[in-house]
C-alpha cells in the first residue's frame, strides 16, 4: 500500500506539471467552473499554463491539491483519478466544457474521499 501511495503522489505531481509549464492550449470559451471552497487561497498555483484562462489553471491546481489532501488524510485513493485528470487537461483544447465537467467529477470524488 505504501508503494501505491508513492506512485499516486508521483502521478499527481506529474499531472500537475501542465499547470506549471509555460505552454497553453484552448481558447478559454465560456464554460464556468464551480468548486467547493477548499482553502485554495493559501495554496500556490504558479505556472504559465493556460495564460488566457487562469480560472481553469486554478481549478487544475485545486484538483491536484485535493488529491494530496486525500493522501495526507489517509483516505481511499481511486487509481483512476490521475489518468482522468490528465485526460481532462488534454481535452481542454478541444472541449473546455467537457474538460471542466470531468475535472469537477474527479474533484467531487476526491472531496468525498477525504476523511
Protein backbone atom coordinates (compact mmCIF):
# COMPACT_ATOMS: atom_id res chain seq x y z
CA UNK A 1 0.00 0.00 0.00
CA UNK A 2 2.87 2.37 0.74
CA UNK A 3 4.25 1.87 -2.78
CA UNK A 4 0.82 2.71 -4.18
CA UNK A 5 0.74 5.98 -2.25
CA UNK A 6 4.18 6.91 -3.54
CA UNK A 7 3.09 6.06 -7.08
CA UNK A 8 -0.13 8.08 -6.64
CA UNK A 9 1.85 11.06 -5.35
CA UNK A 10 4.31 10.84 -8.24
CA UNK A 11 1.47 10.59 -10.74
CA UNK A 12 -0.31 13.54 -9.14
CA UNK A 13 2.78 15.69 -9.31
CA UNK A 14 3.40 14.70 -12.94
CA UNK A 15 -0.20 15.59 -13.77
CA UNK A 16 0.36 18.97 -12.11
CA UNK A 17 3.22 19.71 -14.50
CA UNK A 18 0.92 21.00 -17.28
CA UNK A 19 -0.42 23.67 -14.91
CA UNK A 20 3.12 24.75 -14.13
CA UNK A 21 4.53 24.70 -17.64
CA UNK A 22 4.83 27.64 -19.98
CA UNK A 23 2.54 26.26 -22.67
CA UNK A 24 -1.17 26.63 -23.20
CA UNK A 25 -3.94 25.12 -25.25
CA UNK A 26 -7.53 26.03 -25.82
CA UNK A 27 -9.38 29.24 -26.40
CA UNK A 28 -10.91 29.82 -22.96
CA UNK A 29 -14.56 29.57 -24.03
CA UNK A 30 -17.38 30.47 -21.67
CA UNK A 31 -17.92 27.27 -19.62
CA UNK A 32 -17.77 28.16 -15.95
CA UNK A 33 -16.14 26.25 -13.15
CA UNK A 34 -17.75 25.64 -9.79
CA UNK A 35 -15.83 24.08 -6.94
CA UNK A 36 -16.47 23.96 -3.23
CA UNK A 37 -14.21 26.19 -1.17
CA UNK A 38 -11.24 24.11 -0.06
CA UNK A 39 -8.77 26.62 1.35
CA UNK A 40 -7.19 27.28 -2.03
CA UNK A 41 -6.27 30.86 -1.09
CA UNK A 42 -3.20 29.68 0.82
CA UNK A 43 -2.09 27.13 -1.77
CA UNK A 44 0.22 28.13 -4.59
CA UNK A 45 -0.74 27.70 -8.20
CA UNK A 46 2.10 29.31 -10.07
CA UNK A 47 2.91 28.48 -13.64
CA UNK A 48 2.40 29.59 -17.18
CA UNK A 49 -0.13 27.02 -18.36
CA UNK A 50 -3.42 28.37 -19.64
CA UNK A 51 -2.34 32.03 -19.52
CA UNK A 52 -5.61 33.09 -21.14
CA UNK A 53 -7.67 31.01 -18.72
CA UNK A 54 -6.45 31.46 -15.15
CA UNK A 55 -9.77 30.10 -13.85
CA UNK A 56 -9.05 26.74 -15.49
CA UNK A 57 -5.44 26.77 -14.28
CA UNK A 58 -6.60 27.41 -10.71
CA UNK A 59 -9.10 24.57 -11.00
CA UNK A 60 -6.41 22.15 -12.20
CA UNK A 61 -4.38 23.14 -9.14
CA UNK A 62 -7.40 22.67 -6.85
CA UNK A 63 -7.86 19.14 -8.19
CA UNK A 64 -4.20 18.32 -7.56
CA UNK A 65 -4.32 19.76 -4.05
CA UNK A 66 -7.49 17.76 -3.35
CA UNK A 67 -5.74 14.52 -4.25
CA UNK A 68 -2.83 15.43 -1.98
CA UNK A 69 -5.36 16.15 0.79
CA UNK A 70 -6.88 12.68 0.38
CA UNK A 71 -3.44 11.07 0.56
CA UNK A 72 -2.36 13.19 3.53
CA UNK A 73 -5.53 12.33 5.44
CA UNK A 74 -5.15 8.61 4.73
CA UNK A 75 -8.26 8.49 2.56
CA UNK A 76 -9.04 5.91 -0.09
CA UNK A 77 -7.26 6.80 -3.34
CA UNK A 78 -9.01 5.96 -6.59
CA UNK A 79 -6.26 4.92 -9.01
CA UNK A 80 -8.21 6.42 -11.94
CA UNK A 81 -8.12 10.00 -10.65
CA UNK A 82 -4.70 10.76 -12.09
CA UNK A 83 -5.42 9.45 -15.56
CA UNK A 84 -8.89 11.02 -15.65
CA UNK A 85 -7.44 14.39 -14.62
CA UNK A 86 -4.70 14.14 -17.24
CA UNK A 87 -7.19 13.19 -19.94
CA UNK A 88 -9.39 16.15 -18.98
CA UNK A 89 -6.41 18.51 -19.22
CA UNK A 90 -5.60 17.13 -22.65
CA UNK A 91 -9.25 17.51 -23.69
CA UNK A 92 -9.21 21.22 -22.78
CA UNK A 93 -8.03 22.30 -26.24
CA UNK A 94 -10.91 20.52 -27.97
CA UNK A 95 -13.75 20.89 -25.48
CA UNK A 96 -13.25 23.12 -22.44
CA UNK A 97 -16.73 22.40 -21.06
CA UNK A 98 -16.18 18.62 -21.17
CA UNK A 99 -12.74 19.03 -19.57
CA UNK A 100 -14.26 21.07 -16.75
CA UNK A 101 -17.09 18.57 -16.27
CA UNK A 102 -14.64 15.69 -15.88
CA UNK A 103 -12.39 17.64 -13.52
CA UNK A 104 -15.43 18.62 -11.45
CA UNK A 105 -16.43 14.96 -11.21
CA UNK A 106 -12.94 13.91 -10.14
CA UNK A 107 -12.73 16.82 -7.69
CA UNK A 108 -16.08 15.89 -6.11
CA UNK A 109 -14.92 12.29 -5.67
CA UNK A 110 -11.72 13.48 -4.01
CA UNK A 111 -13.56 15.78 -1.62
CA UNK A 112 -15.90 12.92 -0.70
CA UNK A 113 -12.94 10.58 -0.12
CA UNK A 114 -11.17 12.97 2.25
CA UNK A 115 -11.77 11.71 5.80
